[in-house]
Amino acid sequence: MRTLSNSLLSAQRSGASLPYVKVEIVAKVGGVTRFDWERLYQGGEPDYFHAIAMPGDGSLIRLRVDPADNKLYWQKV
């Protein structure tokens, strides 16, 4: 459990007319944005060679080789 800051403690003790304290949650650690991971694919293929690239348009390109037939598959999300 985290302790409350002095400003929050004083707001809690005061008889202020506002019934709430505004809380903002930011996904940053040390000023650096933290990315949330999201599962994009629920595939059942075996583990083998994979590659990932992120072009400038913000998409994600995933490449994989199927060990059964050595075919190259790609997916753009």
C-alpha atoms as a PDB file:
ATOM      1  CA  MET A   1       0.000   0.000   0.000  1.00  0.00           C
ATOM      2  CA  ARG A   2       1.270   3.487  -0.821  1.00  0.00           C
ATOM      3  CA  THR A   3       1.148   6.425   1.545  1.00  0.00           C
ATOM      4  CA  LEU A   4      -0.736   9.618   0.692  1.00  0.00           C
ATOM      5  CA  SER A   5       1.154  12.794  -0.089  1.00  0.00           C
ATOM      6  CA  ASN A   6       0.871  15.781   2.262  1.00  0.00           C
ATOM      7  CA  SER A   7      -1.402  17.639  -0.185  1.00  0.00           C
ATOM      8  CA  LEU A   8      -3.798  14.682  -0.363  1.00  0.00           C
ATOM      9  CA  LEU A   9      -3.797  14.299   3.419  1.00  0.00           C
ATOM     10  CA  SER A  10      -4.613  17.987   3.902  1.00  0.00           C
ATOM     11  CA  ALA A  11      -7.403  17.778   1.279  1.00  0.00           C
ATOM     12  CA  GLN A  12      -8.798  14.758   3.079  1.00  0.00           C
ATOM     13  CA  ARG A  13      -8.819  16.549   6.457  1.00  0.00           C
ATOM     14  CA  SER A  14     -10.198  19.859   5.191  1.00  0.00           C
ATOM     15  CA  GLY A  15     -13.888  20.623   4.991  1.00  0.00           C
ATOM     16  CA  ALA A  16     -13.688  21.495   1.312  1.00  0.00           C
ATOM     17  CA  SER A  17     -16.905  21.807  -0.641  1.00  0.00           C
ATOM     18  CA  LEU A  18     -15.654  19.517  -3.409  1.00  0.00           C
ATOM     19  CA  PRO A  19     -16.711  15.922  -2.718  1.00  0.00           C
ATOM     20  CA  TYR A  20     -13.840  14.346  -4.658  1.00  0.00           C
ATOM     21  CA  VAL A  21     -10.136  14.465  -5.329  1.00  0.00           C
ATOM     22  CA  LYS A  22      -9.089  14.430  -8.987  1.00  0.00           C
ATOM     23  CA  VAL A  23      -6.696  11.593  -9.819  1.00  0.00           C
ATOM     24  CA  GLU A  24      -4.826  11.303 -13.113  1.00  0.00           C
ATOM     25  CA  ILE A  25      -3.094   8.055 -14.030  1.00  0.00           C
ATOM     26  CA  VAL A  26      -0.289   8.276 -16.562  1.00  0.00           C
ATOM     27  CA  ALA A  27       1.400   5.245 -18.135  1.00  0.00           C
ATOM     28  CA  LYS A  28       4.913   6.559 -17.597  1.00  0.00           C
ATOM     29  CA  VAL A  29       7.810   5.293 -15.573  1.00  0.00           C
ATOM     30  CA  GLY A  30      10.549   7.836 -14.930  1.00  0.00           C
ATOM     31  CA  GLY A  31       9.145  10.146 -17.610  1.00  0.00           C
ATOM     32  CA  VAL A  32       9.237   7.408 -20.266  1.00  0.00           C
ATOM     33  CA  THR A  33       5.964   6.142 -21.754  1.00  0.00           C
ATOM     34  CA  ARG A  34       5.207   2.544 -20.826  1.00  0.00           C
ATOM     35  CA  PHE A  35       3.578   0.527 -23.586  1.00  0.00           C
ATOM     36  CA  ASP A  36       0.754  -1.884 -22.832  1.00  0.00           C
ATOM     37  CA  TRP A  37       1.103  -5.286 -24.451  1.00  0.00           C
ATOM     38  CA  GLU A  38      -1.799  -6.705 -26.402  1.00  0.00           C
ATOM     39  CA  ARG A  39      -2.157 -10.183 -27.859  1.00  0.00           C
ATOM     40  CA  LEU A  40      -2.709  -9.877 -31.599  1.00  0.00           C
ATOM     41  CA  TYR A  41      -2.840 -13.525 -32.576  1.00  0.00           C
ATOM     42  CA  GLN A  42      -3.928 -16.768 -30.903  1.00  0.00           C
ATOM     43  CA  GLY A  43      -2.146 -19.077 -33.351  1.00  0.00           C
ATOM     44  CA  GLY A  44      -1.177 -22.628 -32.729  1.00  0.00           C
ATOM     45  CA  GLU A  45       1.878 -22.832 -34.963  1.00  0.00           C
ATOM     46  CA  PRO A  46       5.064 -24.367 -33.542  1.00  0.00           C
ATOM     47  CA  ASP A  47       7.923 -22.244 -32.276  1.00  0.00           C
ATOM     48  CA  TYR A  48      10.304 -21.412 -35.100  1.00  0.00           C
ATOM     49  CA  PHE A  49      11.980 -18.394 -36.713  1.00  0.00           C
ATOM     50  CA  HIS A  50      10.073 -15.094 -36.268  1.00  0.00           C
ATOM     51  CA  ALA A  51      10.793 -11.440 -36.992  1.00  0.00           C
ATOM     52  CA  ILE A  52       8.967  -8.197 -36.227  1.00  0.00           C
ATOM     53  CA  ALA A  53       9.245  -4.693 -37.670  1.00  0.00           C
ATOM     54  CA  MET A  54       7.431  -1.414 -36.974  1.00  0.00           C
ATOM     55  CA  PRO A  55       7.280   0.926 -39.984  1.00  0.00           C
ATOM     56  CA  GLY A  56       6.717   4.661 -39.595  1.00  0.00           C
ATOM     57  CA  ASP A  57       2.957   4.365 -40.143  1.00  0.00           C
ATOM     58  CA  GLY A  58       2.535   2.760 -36.698  1.00  0.00           C
ATOM     59  CA  SER A  59       1.628  -0.710 -37.939  1.00  0.00           C
ATOM     60  CA  LEU A  60       3.307  -3.937 -36.865  1.00  0.00           C
ATOM     61  CA  ILE A  61       4.670  -6.446 -39.392  1.00  0.00           C
ATOM     62  CA  ARG A  62       5.234 -10.016 -38.225  1.00  0.00           C
ATOM     63  CA  LEU A  63       7.151 -12.561 -40.313  1.00  0.00           C
ATOM     64  CA  ARG A  64       7.457 -16.246 -39.585  1.00  0.00           C
ATOM     65  CA  VAL A  65       8.751 -19.373 -41.299  1.00  0.00           C
ATOM     66  CA  ASP A  66       6.710 -22.560 -41.102  1.00  0.00           C
ATOM     67  CA  PRO A  67       9.091 -25.473 -40.353  1.00  0.00           C
ATOM     68  CA  ALA A  68       6.859 -27.995 -42.133  1.00  0.00           C
ATOM     69  CA  ASP A  69       7.184 -26.461 -45.604  1.00  0.00           C
ATOM     70  CA  ASN A  70       9.723 -23.600 -45.121  1.00  0.00           C
ATOM     71  CA  LYS A  71       7.180 -21.053 -46.371  1.00  0.00           C
ATOM     72  CA  LEU A  72       7.447 -17.434 -45.278  1.00  0.00           C
ATOM     73  CA  TYR A  73       4.233 -15.970 -43.848  1.00  0.00           C
ATOM     74  CA  TRP A  74       3.668 -12.298 -43.019  1.00  0.00           C
ATOM     75  CA  GLN A  75       1.014 -10.426 -41.084  1.00  0.00           C
ATOM     76  CA  LYS A  76       0.450  -6.662 -40.901  1.00  0.00           C
ATOM     77  CA  VAL A  77      -1.574  -5.198 -38.025  1.00  0.00           C
END
